[in-house]
Amino acid sequence: MKSYAEVIDYLYHAAPLFQNIGAGAYKEGLSNTLALDEHFGHPHRRFRTIHVAGTNGKGSVSSTMAAILQSAGLKVGLYTSPHLVDFRERIRVNGEMIPEQRVIDFVEQERAFFEPLSPSFFELTTALAFLYFAEQNVDVAVIEVGLGGRLDCTNIIQPDLSIITNISFDHQQFLGDTLSQIAIEKAGIIKEGVPVVIGETNGHADVRDVFVRTAYAKKAAIRFADEERWPMVECELKGEYQRANMSTVQCAVEMLQEQAFYHEILMPAAIRRGLENVMELTGLRGRWQVVNDTPLTICDVGHNAAGIEYVVRQLSAQPQQHLRIVFGMVGDKDYRKAMSLMTALRDRADFYITQPSSERALPASVLAEEARQQGLNVRVCVSTIKEAVEAARVDACPDDLIFIGGSCYLVADYFAGAR
């Protein structure tokens, strides 16, 4: 393999990619992770870390924390998933993606070791991220959990702070059928003596109790951001749901300021710069992001019931009289619930139903039929986002709003070329 494209193709086929095939790519347990970690000399021990889990918002929180730390003068690694267009988006240092050549070299030099392990794509990517951050001598890396927490392969780190944004239903086939079961899996990132911030419990006493009991058992200081009053802050990330995320970030920053390493550097000016420049500093995209002004076009990666509920609430508050919603989902999400939530927009929205290019895509015809049964006006049903966006633009008046969402993979398709 000589080219970056060949290496990426190899990775996608040799180590199954969750965003393409779903459950078949998931490997429970840490045996492969520990073997890879030992092989590379435990690179995660060579830099500080902050660990971020949660059902929704962990990408926004991770990127915002990285932007603040970077603005404070630190060299910051950021590991997130999934990527939208380029695999290298997952692994960044001070906002810069890992070089293509480093990805090529990693596969070429290490495949003789890792192929017999048959690691998952995420296991392999995590090993590369930790190795690259160590090579780059980062001061701190913000590490986003891939799925769950307790058995996620990022969970070998010993962070300075753990953050759990919220708990809602997603990936029940792996994490459990109740919120308390899901909370137990997320709480698995809480470490002995390591402080933890919980962003939201949404009034679920059983979820709160899971976190309190786990923190007590681990002698870990715990704060619930949604139980404290936080000032409104100016942030580059827009959307109603970012309010909760920014409360979580403010609480996390306060907890870091209590630690000697961060106390002198997390100054108000650095915090403000980070908040105001998250996307520029980290490359984050797809969070209530304006991608065109006339007509106003916004995309968002919200993809489960809780995320789509926030999107519907945000769309309901928009002043535009007519909404044109380009929407597609993957098959393991609750599309019936999503369409039920969309009925709040029934009187002012036309729907342009499509599907992501992922193998996990829910066929557009299935989603369109469900939308019609819910009484929604399905204007078109097409197989590609490019066709759907073009149809919405043809129909739109200058003062309409076009929304693109339902799946992070659909938003990825848009950024990859549907424009």
Protein backbone atom coordinates (compact mmCIF):
# COMPACT_ATOMS: atom_id res chain seq x y z
CA MET A 1 0.00 0.00 0.00
CA LYS A 2 1.52 3.26 -1.11
CA SER A 3 -1.24 5.83 -0.95
CA TYR A 4 -3.33 7.22 1.89
CA ALA A 5 -6.51 6.21 0.05
CA GLU A 6 -5.30 2.60 -0.15
CA VAL A 7 -4.46 2.57 3.57
CA ILE A 8 -7.87 3.94 4.56
CA ASP A 9 -9.59 1.39 2.34
CA TYR A 10 -7.53 -1.33 4.01
CA LEU A 11 -8.49 -0.09 7.49
CA TYR A 12 -12.18 0.00 6.64
CA HIS A 13 -12.09 -3.58 5.37
CA ALA A 14 -9.53 -5.17 7.69
CA ALA A 15 -11.03 -3.62 10.82
CA PRO A 16 -14.81 -3.20 10.49
CA LEU A 17 -16.04 0.39 10.75
CA PHE A 18 -19.00 0.88 13.10
CA GLN A 19 -20.46 3.73 11.09
CA ASN A 20 -20.79 1.38 8.11
CA ILE A 21 -21.91 -1.92 9.58
CA GLY A 22 -22.98 -1.16 13.15
CA ALA A 23 -23.09 -3.98 15.69
CA GLY A 24 -20.82 -6.25 13.66
CA ALA A 25 -17.95 -3.84 14.25
CA TYR A 26 -18.39 -3.71 18.04
CA LYS A 27 -16.02 -5.77 20.16
CA GLU A 28 -16.72 -5.99 23.86
CA GLY A 29 -13.84 -6.09 26.30
CA LEU A 30 -10.41 -4.54 26.54
CA SER A 31 -8.12 -7.46 25.66
CA ASN A 32 -7.15 -6.10 22.24
CA THR A 33 -6.77 -2.59 23.61
CA LEU A 34 -4.44 -3.78 26.37
CA ALA A 35 -2.37 -5.82 23.91
CA LEU A 36 -2.00 -2.84 21.57
CA ASP A 37 -1.23 -0.54 24.47
CA GLU A 38 1.53 -2.81 25.76
CA HIS A 39 2.98 -3.23 22.27
CA PHE A 40 3.32 0.54 21.86
CA GLY A 41 4.79 1.09 25.31
CA HIS A 42 1.71 2.52 27.06
CA PRO A 43 1.76 5.86 25.21
CA HIS A 44 -1.29 7.22 27.05
CA ARG A 45 0.81 7.48 30.22
CA ARG A 46 2.96 10.18 28.64
CA PHE A 47 0.39 12.96 28.62
CA ARG A 48 -2.49 14.24 30.73
CA THR A 49 -6.03 13.40 29.67
CA ILE A 50 -9.63 14.50 30.10
CA HIS A 51 -12.21 11.80 29.44
CA VAL A 52 -15.65 12.64 27.99
CA ALA A 53 -18.62 10.25 27.80
CA GLY A 54 -22.36 10.73 27.36
CA THR A 55 -25.20 9.98 24.99
CA ASN A 56 -25.33 13.41 23.34
CA GLY A 57 -23.10 16.46 23.38
CA LYS A 58 -19.80 14.75 24.03
CA GLY A 59 -18.34 15.91 20.73
CA SER A 60 -19.26 19.54 21.41
CA VAL A 61 -18.02 19.35 25.00
CA SER A 62 -14.78 17.63 23.99
CA SER A 63 -14.04 20.18 21.29
CA THR A 64 -14.90 23.13 23.52
CA MET A 65 -12.66 21.84 26.31
CA ALA A 66 -9.85 21.35 23.79
CA ALA A 67 -10.34 24.89 22.43
CA ILE A 68 -10.15 26.39 25.93
CA LEU A 69 -7.02 24.42 26.86
CA GLN A 70 -5.43 25.34 23.55
CA SER A 71 -6.26 29.03 24.12
CA ALA A 72 -4.56 28.72 27.50
CA GLY A 73 -1.29 27.92 25.72
CA LEU A 74 -1.24 24.16 26.05
CA LYS A 75 -0.45 21.71 23.27
CA VAL A 76 -3.70 19.76 23.06
CA GLY A 77 -4.61 16.44 21.50
CA LEU A 78 -8.24 15.82 20.57
CA TYR A 79 -9.67 12.38 19.83
CA THR A 80 -13.28 12.27 18.63
CA SER A 81 -15.56 10.13 16.49
CA PRO A 82 -17.03 9.63 14.04
CA HIS A 83 -15.36 11.67 11.34
CA LEU A 84 -17.46 13.51 8.76
CA VAL A 85 -15.28 13.45 5.64
CA ASP A 86 -11.69 12.46 6.38
CA PHE A 87 -10.58 9.77 8.83
CA ARG A 88 -7.89 12.14 10.09
CA GLU A 89 -10.52 14.42 11.65
CA ARG A 90 -10.60 11.94 14.55
CA ILE A 91 -7.03 12.67 15.64
CA ARG A 92 -5.91 16.29 15.97
CA VAL A 93 -3.20 18.26 17.74
CA ASN A 94 -4.01 21.93 18.25
CA GLY A 95 -6.67 21.55 15.60
CA GLU A 96 -4.36 20.06 12.97
CA MET A 97 -5.26 16.62 11.68
CA ILE A 98 -2.75 13.79 11.91
CA PRO A 99 -0.69 13.76 8.66
CA GLU A 100 -1.63 11.26 5.98
CA GLN A 101 1.92 9.89 5.99
CA ARG A 102 1.73 9.07 9.71
CA VAL A 103 -1.41 7.00 9.09
CA ILE A 104 0.31 5.21 6.19
CA ASP A 105 3.41 4.49 8.26
CA PHE A 106 1.38 3.20 11.20
CA VAL A 107 -0.41 0.62 9.10
CA GLU A 108 2.66 -0.41 7.10
CA GLN A 109 4.92 -0.74 10.13
CA GLU A 110 2.46 -2.33 12.56
CA ARG A 111 0.10 -4.51 10.55
CA ALA A 112 2.20 -7.63 11.14
CA PHE A 113 1.49 -7.19 14.84
CA PHE A 114 -2.15 -6.14 14.83
CA GLU A 115 -3.57 -8.32 12.05
CA PRO A 116 -3.48 -11.53 14.15
CA LEU A 117 -5.44 -9.68 16.87
CA SER A 118 -8.27 -8.84 14.44
CA PRO A 119 -8.93 -5.54 16.22
CA SER A 120 -11.97 -3.38 15.58
CA PHE A 121 -11.54 -0.17 13.64
CA PHE A 122 -12.01 1.86 16.81
CA GLU A 123 -9.48 -0.20 18.79
CA LEU A 124 -6.89 0.38 16.10
CA THR A 125 -7.72 4.07 15.76
CA THR A 126 -7.49 4.59 19.51
CA ALA A 127 -4.05 2.98 19.61
CA LEU A 128 -2.90 5.25 16.78
CA ALA A 129 -4.30 8.34 18.51
CA PHE A 130 -2.55 7.61 21.81
CA LEU A 131 0.71 6.83 20.03
CA TYR A 132 0.53 10.01 17.93
CA PHE A 133 -0.26 12.23 20.92
CA ALA A 134 2.74 10.80 22.76
CA GLU A 135 4.98 11.35 19.73
CA GLN A 136 3.77 14.95 19.51
CA ASN A 137 4.45 15.56 23.21
CA VAL A 138 1.02 16.99 23.86
CA ASP A 139 0.44 18.47 27.29
CA VAL A 140 -3.09 17.16 27.55
CA ALA A 141 -5.45 15.18 25.32
CA VAL A 142 -9.24 15.38 25.41
CA ILE A 143 -10.47 11.85 24.75
CA GLU A 144 -14.06 11.22 23.67
CA VAL A 145 -15.52 7.82 24.50
CA GLY A 146 -16.56 5.85 21.44
CA LEU A 147 -19.50 3.91 22.86
CA GLY A 148 -20.64 3.49 26.46
CA GLY A 149 -17.70 3.87 28.81
CA ARG A 150 -16.99 0.89 31.03
CA LEU A 151 -15.78 -1.37 28.21
CA ASP A 152 -14.81 1.34 25.73
CA CYS A 153 -11.21 1.03 24.60
CA THR A 154 -10.46 4.62 25.65
CA ASN A 155 -11.09 3.57 29.25
CA ILE A 156 -7.49 2.59 29.93
CA ILE A 157 -6.57 6.22 30.61
CA GLN A 158 -6.24 7.75 34.08
CA PRO A 159 -7.59 11.24 33.44
CA ASP A 160 -7.38 14.48 35.37
CA LEU A 161 -11.14 14.83 35.01
CA SER A 162 -14.04 12.70 33.81
CA ILE A 163 -17.09 14.27 32.16
CA ILE A 164 -20.41 12.55 31.46
CA THR A 165 -22.62 14.89 29.47
CA ASN A 166 -26.02 13.18 29.80
CA ILE A 167 -27.89 9.90 29.59
CA SER A 168 -30.59 9.05 27.08
CA PHE A 169 -31.55 6.07 24.95
CA ASP A 170 -29.05 5.06 22.28
CA HIS A 171 -27.19 1.84 21.44
CA GLN A 172 -29.47 -0.12 23.76
CA GLN A 173 -28.30 -3.39 22.19
CA PHE A 174 -24.91 -2.77 23.84
CA LEU A 175 -25.64 -0.59 26.86
CA GLY A 176 -28.98 -1.74 28.26
CA ASP A 177 -32.70 -1.08 27.94
CA THR A 178 -33.14 1.34 30.86
CA LEU A 179 -31.58 4.69 31.61
CA SER A 180 -30.06 3.36 34.82
CA GLN A 181 -28.42 0.48 32.94
CA ILE A 182 -27.01 2.93 30.39
CA ALA A 183 -25.83 5.16 33.25
CA ILE A 184 -23.95 2.24 34.80
CA GLU A 185 -22.04 1.75 31.55
CA LYS A 186 -21.24 5.47 31.25
CA ALA A 187 -20.26 5.64 34.93
CA GLY A 188 -17.61 3.06 34.15
CA ILE A 189 -15.25 5.89 33.21
CA ILE A 190 -15.27 7.23 36.80
CA LYS A 191 -11.84 6.45 38.27
CA GLU A 192 -10.47 6.20 41.79
CA GLY A 193 -9.96 9.70 43.16
CA VAL A 194 -10.60 11.42 39.81
CA PRO A 195 -13.23 14.19 39.94
CA VAL A 196 -16.24 13.85 37.67
CA VAL A 197 -18.73 16.30 36.18
CA ILE A 198 -22.21 15.15 35.22
CA GLY A 199 -23.84 17.48 32.72
CA GLU A 200 -27.52 16.52 32.95
CA THR A 201 -29.65 13.90 34.66
CA ASN A 202 -32.92 15.43 33.40
CA GLY A 203 -34.65 14.75 36.69
CA HIS A 204 -34.05 10.99 36.61
CA ALA A 205 -33.36 10.12 40.25
CA ASP A 206 -32.24 6.59 39.36
CA VAL A 207 -29.63 7.93 36.95
CA ARG A 208 -28.37 10.45 39.50
CA ASP A 209 -28.16 7.70 42.11
CA VAL A 210 -25.97 5.56 39.83
CA PHE A 211 -23.45 8.38 39.50
CA VAL A 212 -23.51 9.28 43.20
CA ARG A 213 -22.98 5.67 44.29
CA THR A 214 -20.19 5.11 41.76
CA ALA A 215 -18.39 8.33 42.70
CA TYR A 216 -18.69 7.53 46.40
CA ALA A 217 -17.28 4.03 45.88
CA LYS A 218 -14.38 5.51 43.88
CA LYS A 219 -13.79 8.39 46.32
CA ALA A 220 -14.26 10.74 43.39
CA ALA A 221 -15.52 14.28 43.86
CA ILE A 222 -18.71 14.79 41.84
CA ARG A 223 -20.66 17.81 40.63
CA PHE A 224 -23.90 18.00 38.69
CA ALA A 225 -23.75 20.94 36.30
CA ASP A 226 -27.52 21.10 35.86
CA GLU A 227 -28.02 21.57 39.60
CA GLU A 228 -25.97 24.77 39.67
CA ARG A 229 -26.56 28.22 38.18
CA TRP A 230 -24.27 29.17 35.31
CA PRO A 231 -24.05 32.44 33.44
CA MET A 232 -24.87 32.57 29.75
CA VAL A 233 -21.60 32.63 27.82
CA GLU A 234 -20.86 33.67 24.26
CA CYS A 235 -19.89 30.58 22.31
CA GLU A 236 -19.29 29.92 18.64
CA LEU A 237 -21.47 26.80 18.86
CA LYS A 238 -25.12 27.75 18.40
CA GLY A 239 -28.33 25.89 19.12
CA GLU A 240 -30.47 25.59 22.22
CA TYR A 241 -28.91 22.28 23.22
CA GLN A 242 -25.51 23.96 23.57
CA ARG A 243 -26.75 25.72 26.71
CA ALA A 244 -26.52 22.48 28.66
CA ASN A 245 -23.18 21.67 27.04
CA MET A 246 -21.77 25.07 28.00
CA SER A 247 -22.94 24.62 31.59
CA THR A 248 -21.10 21.30 31.59
CA VAL A 249 -17.98 22.96 30.19
CA GLN A 250 -18.07 25.77 32.78
CA CYS A 251 -18.40 23.25 35.60
CA ALA A 252 -15.55 21.16 34.15
CA VAL A 253 -13.28 24.20 33.86
CA GLU A 254 -13.97 25.09 37.50
CA MET A 255 -13.03 21.59 38.60
CA LEU A 256 -9.82 21.72 36.57
CA GLN A 257 -8.95 25.09 38.09
CA GLU A 258 -8.81 23.36 41.46
CA GLN A 259 -5.85 21.32 40.23
CA ALA A 260 -2.36 22.83 40.47
CA PHE A 261 -1.43 22.15 36.84
CA TYR A 262 -4.42 24.08 35.48
CA HIS A 263 -4.88 26.71 38.19
CA GLU A 264 -2.58 29.38 36.77
CA ILE A 265 -3.36 28.89 33.08
CA LEU A 266 -7.15 28.63 32.89
CA MET A 267 -7.66 32.38 33.03
CA PRO A 268 -10.89 34.16 31.96
CA ALA A 269 -9.37 35.51 28.74
CA ALA A 270 -8.27 32.03 27.61
CA ILE A 271 -11.65 30.56 28.46
CA ARG A 272 -13.40 33.30 26.49
CA ARG A 273 -11.12 32.84 23.46
CA GLY A 274 -11.74 29.12 23.46
CA LEU A 275 -15.51 29.47 23.68
CA GLU A 276 -15.63 32.04 20.89
CA ASN A 277 -13.43 30.08 18.48
CA VAL A 278 -14.28 26.39 18.98
CA MET A 279 -14.73 25.50 15.31
CA GLU A 280 -11.69 27.44 14.13
CA LEU A 281 -9.45 25.96 16.82
CA THR A 282 -10.64 22.34 16.62
CA GLY A 283 -12.25 21.83 13.21
CA LEU A 284 -15.59 20.84 14.73
CA ARG A 285 -18.47 20.88 12.25
CA GLY A 286 -22.13 19.98 12.00
CA ARG A 287 -23.44 21.42 15.27
CA TRP A 288 -26.34 23.68 14.30
CA GLN A 289 -23.99 24.99 11.64
CA VAL A 290 -25.07 27.58 9.11
CA VAL A 291 -23.78 26.41 5.72
CA ASN A 292 -25.65 28.86 3.47
CA ASP A 293 -27.28 32.24 4.02
CA THR A 294 -29.86 32.47 1.20
CA PRO A 295 -31.91 30.52 1.78
CA LEU A 296 -30.69 29.99 5.32
CA THR A 297 -29.38 26.42 5.44
CA ILE A 298 -28.43 24.71 8.69
CA CYS A 299 -27.12 21.21 9.39
CA ASP A 300 -26.92 19.30 12.64
CA VAL A 301 -25.66 15.83 13.52
CA GLY A 302 -28.33 15.05 16.14
CA HIS A 303 -29.34 11.47 15.40
CA ASN A 304 -31.13 9.83 18.34
CA ALA A 305 -34.42 10.67 20.04
CA ALA A 306 -32.92 13.11 22.52
CA GLY A 307 -30.82 14.84 19.87
CA ILE A 308 -33.70 15.13 17.43
CA GLU A 309 -35.97 16.45 20.18
CA TYR A 310 -33.52 19.33 20.66
CA VAL A 311 -33.43 19.92 16.90
CA VAL A 312 -37.23 20.05 16.69
CA ARG A 313 -37.34 22.51 19.58
CA GLN A 314 -34.75 24.70 17.85
CA LEU A 315 -36.58 24.57 14.51
CA SER A 316 -39.84 25.45 16.24
CA ALA A 317 -38.23 28.64 17.53
CA GLN A 318 -37.00 29.77 14.10
CA PRO A 319 -38.77 32.85 12.66
CA GLN A 320 -38.97 31.50 9.10
CA GLN A 321 -42.54 30.66 8.09
CA HIS A 322 -41.61 27.67 5.95
CA LEU A 323 -39.15 24.86 6.73
CA ARG A 324 -37.72 22.45 4.18
CA ILE A 325 -36.29 19.48 6.05
CA VAL A 326 -33.78 17.19 4.34
CA PHE A 327 -33.78 14.11 6.54
CA GLY A 328 -32.27 10.62 6.59
CA MET A 329 -31.35 8.08 9.27
CA VAL A 330 -29.55 4.82 9.89
CA GLY A 331 -31.52 1.67 10.48
CA ASP A 332 -30.63 1.03 14.13
CA LYS A 333 -32.11 4.33 15.34
CA ASP A 334 -35.75 4.78 16.37
CA TYR A 335 -37.01 6.37 13.16
CA ARG A 336 -40.64 6.08 14.25
CA LYS A 337 -39.90 8.17 17.33
CA ALA A 338 -37.99 10.67 15.19
CA MET A 339 -40.93 11.11 12.84
CA SER A 340 -43.30 11.40 15.78
CA LEU A 341 -41.19 14.26 17.15
CA MET A 342 -41.26 15.95 13.74
CA THR A 343 -45.06 16.21 13.85
CA ALA A 344 -44.57 19.35 15.95
CA LEU A 345 -43.46 20.98 12.69
CA ARG A 346 -46.24 19.52 10.53
CA ASP A 347 -48.00 22.79 9.71
CA ARG A 348 -44.92 24.62 8.40
CA ALA A 349 -42.57 21.96 7.00
CA ASP A 350 -42.05 19.99 3.81
CA PHE A 351 -39.85 16.90 4.06
CA TYR A 352 -37.19 15.80 1.58
CA ILE A 353 -36.50 12.23 2.63
CA THR A 354 -33.22 10.57 1.70
CA GLN A 355 -30.63 8.21 3.19
CA PRO A 356 -26.94 8.26 4.17
CA SER A 357 -24.40 6.45 2.01
CA SER A 358 -23.58 4.13 4.95
CA GLU A 359 -24.34 0.41 4.73
CA ARG A 360 -26.41 0.97 7.88
CA ALA A 361 -28.71 3.44 6.11
CA LEU A 362 -32.44 3.18 6.64
CA PRO A 363 -33.95 3.04 3.14
CA ALA A 364 -35.47 6.37 2.22
CA SER A 365 -38.68 4.62 1.18
CA VAL A 366 -39.15 3.19 4.70
CA LEU A 367 -38.58 6.55 6.38
CA ALA A 368 -40.84 8.34 3.89
CA GLU A 369 -43.67 5.87 4.49
CA GLU A 370 -43.37 6.39 8.25
CA ALA A 371 -43.37 10.17 7.75
CA ARG A 372 -46.55 9.96 5.67
CA GLN A 373 -48.23 7.78 8.30
CA GLN A 374 -47.41 10.47 10.86
CA GLY A 375 -49.17 13.03 8.67
CA LEU A 376 -46.02 14.78 7.46
CA ASN A 377 -45.83 16.28 3.97
CA VAL A 378 -43.18 14.29 2.09
CA ARG A 379 -42.27 16.45 -0.87
CA VAL A 380 -39.69 14.08 -2.35
CA CYS A 381 -38.13 10.71 -1.51
CA VAL A 382 -34.75 10.17 -3.14
CA SER A 383 -31.75 7.94 -2.54
CA THR A 384 -29.01 10.56 -2.26
CA ILE A 385 -28.65 13.71 -0.21
CA LYS A 386 -27.44 15.57 -3.28
CA GLU A 387 -30.81 15.06 -4.97
CA ALA A 388 -32.68 15.94 -1.79
CA VAL A 389 -30.77 19.18 -1.19
CA GLU A 390 -31.13 20.23 -4.82
CA ALA A 391 -34.88 19.62 -4.69
CA ALA A 392 -35.19 21.64 -1.48
CA ARG A 393 -33.24 24.51 -3.02
CA VAL A 394 -35.37 24.53 -6.14
CA ASP A 395 -38.54 24.70 -4.05
CA ALA A 396 -37.26 27.18 -1.46
CA CYS A 397 -38.06 30.88 -1.35
CA PRO A 398 -35.25 33.19 -0.18
CA ASP A 399 -36.80 33.53 3.28
CA ASP A 400 -37.34 29.77 3.83
CA LEU A 401 -35.09 27.66 6.07
CA ILE A 402 -33.50 24.43 4.83
CA PHE A 403 -32.46 21.98 7.53
CA ILE A 404 -30.23 18.95 6.89
CA GLY A 405 -30.01 16.23 9.53
CA GLY A 406 -31.21 12.98 11.10
CA SER A 407 -27.82 11.29 11.01
CA CYS A 408 -24.22 12.40 11.38
CA TYR A 409 -23.50 10.27 8.31
CA LEU A 410 -26.03 12.21 6.26
CA VAL A 411 -24.35 15.47 7.33
CA ALA A 412 -21.01 13.87 6.41
CA ASP A 413 -22.36 13.13 2.93
CA TYR A 414 -23.37 16.76 2.62
CA PHE A 415 -19.89 18.01 3.53
CA ALA A 416 -18.32 15.41 1.25
CA GLY A 417 -19.87 16.85 -1.86
CA ALA A 418 -23.63 17.33 -1.89
CA ARG A 419 -23.16 21.09 -1.89
